C-alpha atoms as a PDB file:
ATOM      1  CA  UNK A   1     -49.269 132.531 240.850  1.00  0.00           C
ATOM      2  CA  UNK A   2     -52.451 134.195 242.132  1.00  0.00           C
ATOM      3  CA  UNK A   3     -54.410 132.417 244.853  1.00  0.00           C
ATOM      4  CA  UNK A   4     -57.632 133.992 243.562  1.00  0.00           C
ATOM      5  CA  UNK A   5     -57.823 133.418 239.805  1.00  0.00           C
ATOM      6  CA  UNK A   6     -61.540 134.235 239.716  1.00  0.00           C
ATOM      7  CA  UNK A   7     -60.879 137.618 241.306  1.00  0.00           C
ATOM      8  CA  UNK A   8     -58.152 138.290 238.755  1.00  0.00           C
ATOM      9  CA  UNK A   9     -60.527 137.402 235.915  1.00  0.00           C
ATOM     10  CA  UNK A  10     -63.186 139.751 237.264  1.00  0.00           C
ATOM     11  CA  UNK A  11     -60.552 142.461 237.628  1.00  0.00           C
ATOM     12  CA  UNK A  12     -59.375 141.969 234.058  1.00  0.00           C
ATOM     13  CA  UNK A  13     -62.947 142.127 232.771  1.00  0.00           C
ATOM     14  CA  UNK A  14     -63.593 145.324 234.711  1.00  0.00           C
ATOM     15  CA  UNK A  15     -60.382 146.827 233.342  1.00  0.00           C
ATOM     16  CA  UNK A  16     -61.305 145.935 229.757  1.00  0.00           C
ATOM     17  CA  UNK A  17     -64.785 147.390 230.264  1.00  0.00           C
ATOM     18  CA  UNK A  18     -63.297 150.626 231.557  1.00  0.00           C
ATOM     19  CA  UNK A  19     -61.046 150.842 228.489  1.00  0.00           C
ATOM     20  CA  UNK A  20     -64.008 150.214 226.213  1.00  0.00           C
ATOM     21  CA  UNK A  21     -66.062 152.883 227.978  1.00  0.00           C
ATOM     22  CA  UNK A  22     -63.181 155.348 227.755  1.00  0.00           C
ATOM     23  CA  UNK A  23     -62.779 154.651 224.053  1.00  0.00           C
ATOM     24  CA  UNK A  24     -66.502 155.035 223.430  1.00  0.00           C
ATOM     25  CA  UNK A  25     -66.663 158.453 225.050  1.00  0.00           C
ATOM     26  CA  UNK A  26     -63.191 159.810 224.261  1.00  0.00           C
ATOM     27  CA  UNK A  27     -63.348 162.758 221.860  1.00  0.00           C
ATOM     28  CA  UNK A  28     -61.281 162.939 218.685  1.00  0.00           C
ATOM     29  CA  UNK A  29     -58.221 164.969 219.634  1.00  0.00           C
ATOM     30  CA  UNK A  30     -56.665 166.143 216.374  1.00  0.00           C
ATOM     31  CA  UNK A  31     -58.623 169.401 216.379  1.00  0.00           C
ATOM     32  CA  UNK A  32     -55.778 171.683 217.553  1.00  0.00           C
ATOM     33  CA  UNK A  33     -53.431 170.199 214.947  1.00  0.00           C
ATOM     34  CA  UNK A  34     -55.897 170.895 212.140  1.00  0.00           C
ATOM     35  CA  UNK A  35     -56.391 174.462 213.329  1.00  0.00           C
ATOM     36  CA  UNK A  36     -52.637 175.018 213.523  1.00  0.00           C
ATOM     37  CA  UNK A  37     -52.137 173.658 209.996  1.00  0.00           C
ATOM     38  CA  UNK A  38     -54.927 175.856 208.639  1.00  0.00           C
ATOM     39  CA  UNK A  39     -53.502 178.986 210.277  1.00  0.00           C
ATOM     40  CA  UNK A  40     -49.860 178.467 209.297  1.00  0.00           C
ATOM     41  CA  UNK A  41     -50.431 177.331 205.734  1.00  0.00           C
ATOM     42  CA  UNK A  42     -53.470 179.540 205.263  1.00  0.00           C
ATOM     43  CA  UNK A  43     -51.335 182.579 206.110  1.00  0.00           C
ATOM     44  CA  UNK A  44     -48.652 181.441 203.642  1.00  0.00           C
ATOM     45  CA  UNK A  45     -51.318 180.876 200.980  1.00  0.00           C
ATOM     46  CA  UNK A  46     -52.715 184.381 201.508  1.00  0.00           C
ATOM     47  CA  UNK A  47     -49.233 185.849 201.029  1.00  0.00           C
ATOM     48  CA  UNK A  48     -48.707 183.677 197.950  1.00  0.00           C
ATOM     49  CA  UNK A  49     -51.951 185.019 196.511  1.00  0.00           C
ATOM     50  CA  UNK A  50     -50.792 188.601 197.069  1.00  0.00           C
ATOM     51  CA  UNK A  51     -47.505 187.722 195.368  1.00  0.00           C
ATOM     52  CA  UNK A  52     -49.411 186.335 192.372  1.00  0.00           C
ATOM     53  CA  UNK A  53     -51.387 189.579 192.197  1.00  0.00           C
ATOM     54  CA  UNK A  54     -48.201 191.625 192.330  1.00  0.00           C
ATOM     55  CA  UNK A  55     -49.034 193.139 195.726  1.00  0.00           C
ATOM     56  CA  UNK A  56     -46.024 191.626 197.525  1.00  0.00           C
ATOM     57  CA  UNK A  57     -42.578 191.924 195.869  1.00  0.00           C
ATOM     58  CA  UNK A  58     -41.330 188.397 196.508  1.00  0.00           C
ATOM     59  CA  UNK A  59     -40.277 185.779 193.980  1.00  0.00           C
ATOM     60  CA  UNK A  60     -38.061 182.767 193.317  1.00  0.00           C
ATOM     61  CA  UNK A  61     -36.265 181.414 196.355  1.00  0.00           C
ATOM     62  CA  UNK A  62     -37.935 184.027 198.549  1.00  0.00           C
ATOM     63  CA  UNK A  63     -41.273 182.347 197.943  1.00  0.00           C
ATOM     64  CA  UNK A  64     -39.758 178.929 198.585  1.00  0.00           C
ATOM     65  CA  UNK A  65     -38.260 180.036 201.894  1.00  0.00           C
ATOM     66  CA  UNK A  66     -41.601 181.521 202.919  1.00  0.00           C
ATOM     67  CA  UNK A  67     -43.202 178.083 202.548  1.00  0.00           C
ATOM     68  CA  UNK A  68     -40.266 176.390 204.273  1.00  0.00           C
ATOM     69  CA  UNK A  69     -40.650 178.844 207.145  1.00  0.00           C
ATOM     70  CA  UNK A  70     -44.356 178.053 207.399  1.00  0.00           C
ATOM     71  CA  UNK A  71     -43.513 174.331 207.469  1.00  0.00           C
ATOM     72  CA  UNK A  72     -40.911 174.792 210.199  1.00  0.00           C
ATOM     73  CA  UNK A  73     -43.264 176.956 212.258  1.00  0.00           C
ATOM     74  CA  UNK A  74     -46.023 174.387 211.977  1.00  0.00           C
ATOM     75  CA  UNK A  75     -43.648 171.522 212.828  1.00  0.00           C
ATOM     76  CA  UNK A  76     -42.495 173.309 215.996  1.00  0.00           C
ATOM     77  CA  UNK A  77     -46.082 173.944 217.077  1.00  0.00           C
ATOM     78  CA  UNK A  78     -47.046 170.398 216.137  1.00  0.00           C
ATOM     79  CA  UNK A  79     -44.405 169.020 218.511  1.00  0.00           C
ATOM     80  CA  UNK A  80     -45.868 171.041 221.380  1.00  0.00           C
ATOM     81  CA  UNK A  81     -49.451 170.112 220.533  1.00  0.00           C
ATOM     82  CA  UNK A  82     -48.716 166.397 220.292  1.00  0.00           C
ATOM     83  CA  UNK A  83     -47.032 166.421 223.717  1.00  0.00           C
ATOM     84  CA  UNK A  84     -50.098 168.153 225.199  1.00  0.00           C
ATOM     85  CA  UNK A  85     -52.515 165.763 223.527  1.00  0.00           C
ATOM     86  CA  UNK A  86     -50.576 162.662 224.626  1.00  0.00           C
ATOM     87  CA  UNK A  87     -51.072 163.428 228.330  1.00  0.00           C
ATOM     88  CA  UNK A  88     -54.829 163.870 228.038  1.00  0.00           C
ATOM     89  CA  UNK A  89     -57.258 161.162 229.075  1.00  0.00           C
ATOM     90  CA  UNK A  90     -58.461 159.217 226.074  1.00  0.00           C
ATOM     91  CA  UNK A  91     -55.532 160.072 223.830  1.00  0.00           C
ATOM     92  CA  UNK A  92     -54.385 156.443 223.718  1.00  0.00           C
ATOM     93  CA  UNK A  93     -57.726 154.875 222.909  1.00  0.00           C
ATOM     94  CA  UNK A  94     -57.966 152.697 219.815  1.00  0.00           C
ATOM     95  CA  UNK A  95     -59.880 155.326 217.862  1.00  0.00           C
ATOM     96  CA  UNK A  96     -57.543 158.205 218.662  1.00  0.00           C
ATOM     97  CA  UNK A  97     -54.450 156.127 217.947  1.00  0.00           C
ATOM     98  CA  UNK A  98     -55.875 155.093 214.564  1.00  0.00           C
ATOM     99  CA  UNK A  99     -56.913 158.642 213.673  1.00  0.00           C
ATOM    100  CA  UNK A 100     -53.559 159.993 214.822  1.00  0.00           C
ATOM    101  CA  UNK A 101     -51.807 157.442 212.606  1.00  0.00           C
ATOM    102  CA  UNK A 102     -53.965 158.462 209.629  1.00  0.00           C
ATOM    103  CA  UNK A 103     -53.106 162.148 210.039  1.00  0.00           C
ATOM    104  CA  UNK A 104     -49.426 161.337 210.605  1.00  0.00           C
ATOM    105  CA  UNK A 105     -49.428 159.379 207.347  1.00  0.00           C
ATOM    106  CA  UNK A 106     -51.108 162.368 205.710  1.00  0.00           C
ATOM    107  CA  UNK A 107     -48.337 164.683 206.904  1.00  0.00           C
ATOM    108  CA  UNK A 108     -45.525 162.358 205.856  1.00  0.00           C
ATOM    109  CA  UNK A 109     -47.134 161.836 202.445  1.00  0.00           C
ATOM    110  CA  UNK A 110     -47.356 165.583 201.863  1.00  0.00           C
ATOM    111  CA  UNK A 111     -43.739 166.075 202.911  1.00  0.00           C
ATOM    112  CA  UNK A 112     -42.569 163.163 200.757  1.00  0.00           C
ATOM    113  CA  UNK A 113     -44.389 164.413 197.673  1.00  0.00           C
ATOM    114  CA  UNK A 114     -43.040 167.923 198.278  1.00  0.00           C
ATOM    115  CA  UNK A 115     -39.520 166.453 198.272  1.00  0.00           C
ATOM    116  CA  UNK A 116     -40.298 164.681 194.978  1.00  0.00           C
ATOM    117  CA  UNK A 117     -41.471 167.905 193.342  1.00  0.00           C
ATOM    118  CA  UNK A 118     -38.478 169.797 194.753  1.00  0.00           C
ATOM    119  CA  UNK A 119     -36.089 167.197 193.372  1.00  0.00           C
ATOM    120  CA  UNK A 120     -37.815 167.392 189.988  1.00  0.00           C
ATOM    121  CA  UNK A 121     -37.577 171.183 189.963  1.00  0.00           C
ATOM    122  CA  UNK A 122     -33.907 171.217 190.957  1.00  0.00           C
ATOM    123  CA  UNK A 123     -32.936 168.569 188.416  1.00  0.00           C
ATOM    124  CA  UNK A 124     -34.893 169.976 185.470  1.00  0.00           C
ATOM    125  CA  UNK A 125     -35.260 173.666 186.241  1.00  0.00           C
ATOM    126  CA  UNK A 126     -38.997 173.244 185.671  1.00  0.00           C
ATOM    127  CA  UNK A 127     -40.906 174.415 188.742  1.00  0.00           C
ATOM    128  CA  UNK A 128     -44.344 174.338 187.135  1.00  0.00           C
ATOM    129  CA  UNK A 129     -45.217 171.070 188.890  1.00  0.00           C
ATOM    130  CA  UNK A 130     -45.073 172.857 192.261  1.00  0.00           C
ATOM    131  CA  UNK A 131     -48.385 174.439 191.257  1.00  0.00           C
ATOM    132  CA  UNK A 132     -49.936 171.018 191.872  1.00  0.00           C
ATOM    133  CA  UNK A 133     -48.837 170.945 195.514  1.00  0.00           C
ATOM    134  CA  UNK A 134     -52.148 172.313 196.878  1.00  0.00           C
ATOM    135  CA  UNK A 135     -54.018 169.537 195.043  1.00  0.00           C
ATOM    136  CA  UNK A 136     -51.627 166.968 196.511  1.00  0.00           C
ATOM    137  CA  UNK A 137     -52.312 168.318 200.005  1.00  0.00           C
ATOM    138  CA  UNK A 138     -56.068 168.071 199.504  1.00  0.00           C
ATOM    139  CA  UNK A 139     -55.809 164.468 198.305  1.00  0.00           C
ATOM    140  CA  UNK A 140     -53.828 163.579 201.436  1.00  0.00           C
ATOM    141  CA  UNK A 141     -56.334 165.427 203.634  1.00  0.00           C
ATOM    142  CA  UNK A 142     -59.184 163.614 201.914  1.00  0.00           C
ATOM    143  CA  UNK A 143     -57.651 160.223 202.629  1.00  0.00           C
ATOM    144  CA  UNK A 144     -57.100 161.099 206.300  1.00  0.00           C
ATOM    145  CA  UNK A 145     -60.671 162.348 206.723  1.00  0.00           C
ATOM    146  CA  UNK A 146     -62.052 159.212 205.057  1.00  0.00           C
ATOM    147  CA  UNK A 147     -60.102 156.994 207.433  1.00  0.00           C
ATOM    148  CA  UNK A 148     -61.075 159.065 210.485  1.00  0.00           C
ATOM    149  CA  UNK A 149     -64.736 158.987 209.477  1.00  0.00           C
ATOM    150  CA  UNK A 150     -64.715 155.219 209.127  1.00  0.00           C
ATOM    151  CA  UNK A 151     -62.895 154.734 212.422  1.00  0.00           C
ATOM    152  CA  UNK A 152     -65.405 156.733 214.479  1.00  0.00           C
ATOM    153  CA  UNK A 153     -68.347 156.195 212.083  1.00  0.00           C
ATOM    154  CA  UNK A 154     -68.996 159.889 211.564  1.00  0.00           C
ATOM    155  CA  UNK A 155     -70.594 160.739 208.242  1.00  0.00           C
ATOM    156  CA  UNK A 156     -69.573 164.388 208.372  1.00  0.00           C
ATOM    157  CA  UNK A 157     -65.908 163.380 208.393  1.00  0.00           C
ATOM    158  CA  UNK A 158     -66.376 161.207 205.325  1.00  0.00           C
ATOM    159  CA  UNK A 159     -68.223 164.078 203.639  1.00  0.00           C
ATOM    160  CA  UNK A 160     -65.294 166.365 204.488  1.00  0.00           C
ATOM    161  CA  UNK A 161     -63.036 163.864 202.739  1.00  0.00           C
ATOM    162  CA  UNK A 162     -65.260 164.040 199.660  1.00  0.00           C
ATOM    163  CA  UNK A 163     -64.982 167.847 199.730  1.00  0.00           C
ATOM    164  CA  UNK A 164     -61.185 167.482 199.831  1.00  0.00           C
ATOM    165  CA  UNK A 165     -61.181 165.275 196.718  1.00  0.00           C
ATOM    166  CA  UNK A 166     -63.533 167.617 194.860  1.00  0.00           C
ATOM    167  CA  UNK A 167     -61.361 170.534 195.920  1.00  0.00           C
ATOM    168  CA  UNK A 168     -58.259 168.749 194.624  1.00  0.00           C
ATOM    169  CA  UNK A 169     -59.903 168.446 191.203  1.00  0.00           C
ATOM    170  CA  UNK A 170     -60.740 172.160 191.244  1.00  0.00           C
ATOM    171  CA  UNK A 171     -57.157 172.983 192.216  1.00  0.00           C
ATOM    172  CA  UNK A 172     -55.911 170.893 189.316  1.00  0.00           C
ATOM    173  CA  UNK A 173     -58.174 172.798 186.925  1.00  0.00           C
ATOM    174  CA  UNK A 174     -56.968 176.216 188.151  1.00  0.00           C
ATOM    175  CA  UNK A 175     -53.403 175.104 188.916  1.00  0.00           C
ATOM    176  CA  UNK A 176     -51.634 177.733 186.814  1.00  0.00           C
ATOM    177  CA  UNK A 177     -53.785 180.723 187.743  1.00  0.00           C
ATOM    178  CA  UNK A 178     -53.916 182.939 190.816  1.00  0.00           C
ATOM    179  CA  UNK A 179     -57.358 181.469 191.578  1.00  0.00           C
ATOM    180  CA  UNK A 180     -55.695 178.336 192.867  1.00  0.00           C
ATOM    181  CA  UNK A 181     -54.636 180.255 195.996  1.00  0.00           C
ATOM    182  CA  UNK A 182     -58.159 181.529 196.636  1.00  0.00           C
ATOM    183  CA  UNK A 183     -59.599 178.044 196.256  1.00  0.00           C
ATOM    184  CA  UNK A 184     -56.902 176.519 198.442  1.00  0.00           C
ATOM    185  CA  UNK A 185     -57.455 179.108 201.167  1.00  0.00           C
ATOM    186  CA  UNK A 186     -61.206 178.457 201.171  1.00  0.00           C
ATOM    187  CA  UNK A 187     -60.569 174.715 201.303  1.00  0.00           C
ATOM    188  CA  UNK A 188     -58.194 175.063 204.259  1.00  0.00           C
ATOM    189  CA  UNK A 189     -60.933 176.927 206.099  1.00  0.00           C
ATOM    190  CA  UNK A 190     -63.591 174.348 205.184  1.00  0.00           C
ATOM    191  CA  UNK A 191     -61.655 171.099 205.698  1.00  0.00           C
ATOM    192  CA  UNK A 192     -59.136 172.047 208.399  1.00  0.00           C
ATOM    193  CA  UNK A 193     -59.931 175.221 210.354  1.00  0.00           C
ATOM    194  CA  UNK A 194     -63.682 174.840 210.874  1.00  0.00           C
ATOM    195  CA  UNK A 195     -63.639 171.045 211.475  1.00  0.00           C
ATOM    196  CA  UNK A 196     -60.667 171.500 213.805  1.00  0.00           C
ATOM    197  CA  UNK A 197     -62.510 174.123 215.838  1.00  0.00           C
ATOM    198  CA  UNK A 198     -65.571 171.864 215.947  1.00  0.00           C
ATOM    199  CA  UNK A 199     -63.505 168.923 217.225  1.00  0.00           C
ATOM    200  CA  UNK A 200     -61.953 171.179 219.873  1.00  0.00           C
ATOM    201  CA  UNK A 201     -65.434 172.234 220.960  1.00  0.00           C
ATOM    202  CA  UNK A 202     -66.549 168.603 221.238  1.00  0.00           C
ATOM    203  CA  UNK A 203     -63.412 167.723 223.228  1.00  0.00           C
ATOM    204  CA  UNK A 204     -63.980 170.612 225.647  1.00  0.00           C
ATOM    205  CA  UNK A 205     -67.604 169.562 226.073  1.00  0.00           C
ATOM    206  CA  UNK A 206     -66.571 165.948 226.764  1.00  0.00           C
ATOM    207  CA  UNK A 207     -64.170 167.093 229.486  1.00  0.00           C
ATOM    208  CA  UNK A 208     -67.064 168.906 231.095  1.00  0.00           C
END
């Protein structure tokens, strides 16, 4: 038992204050992950668009494996990025943990819904529902942005979530046309690539 309880109390208070200060000034660290997602899946979307236009001779399972390859490539890069983020100062603050959990839930939701649509296609032979996958992704992104915006009280993040939901509706409208790939590519730039680069810029500025 400590002989100086008052000293211990003061030390605990100072420690809690330092954690609070760190959390207040710690930047949001998911920027690199958003950029990676935009690049990997944006590239796959661009190829898919060219396929729809008849510019790239790929169809059936070839298209499916292209998307699987993009997912595997992103997952491998994601593993590396998460390990780098985890060792940075501020990565374990309350805000970053909450935002990280929101984006993890987003990723798992997308993967789970993709499995559902795959199972439906394999069991029925009807692959038309896969055309709704971009809209599903945007809904998941919108939820993650809404949560992140509320956690750090940033209106622009909430607005980005609104753009995701509006984009999902547009993707539903154009789901069975080649325009869905153009819209999805623009959305990935607007709600993943550009915000991710902005968050990376803020993080670099915070590190001085």
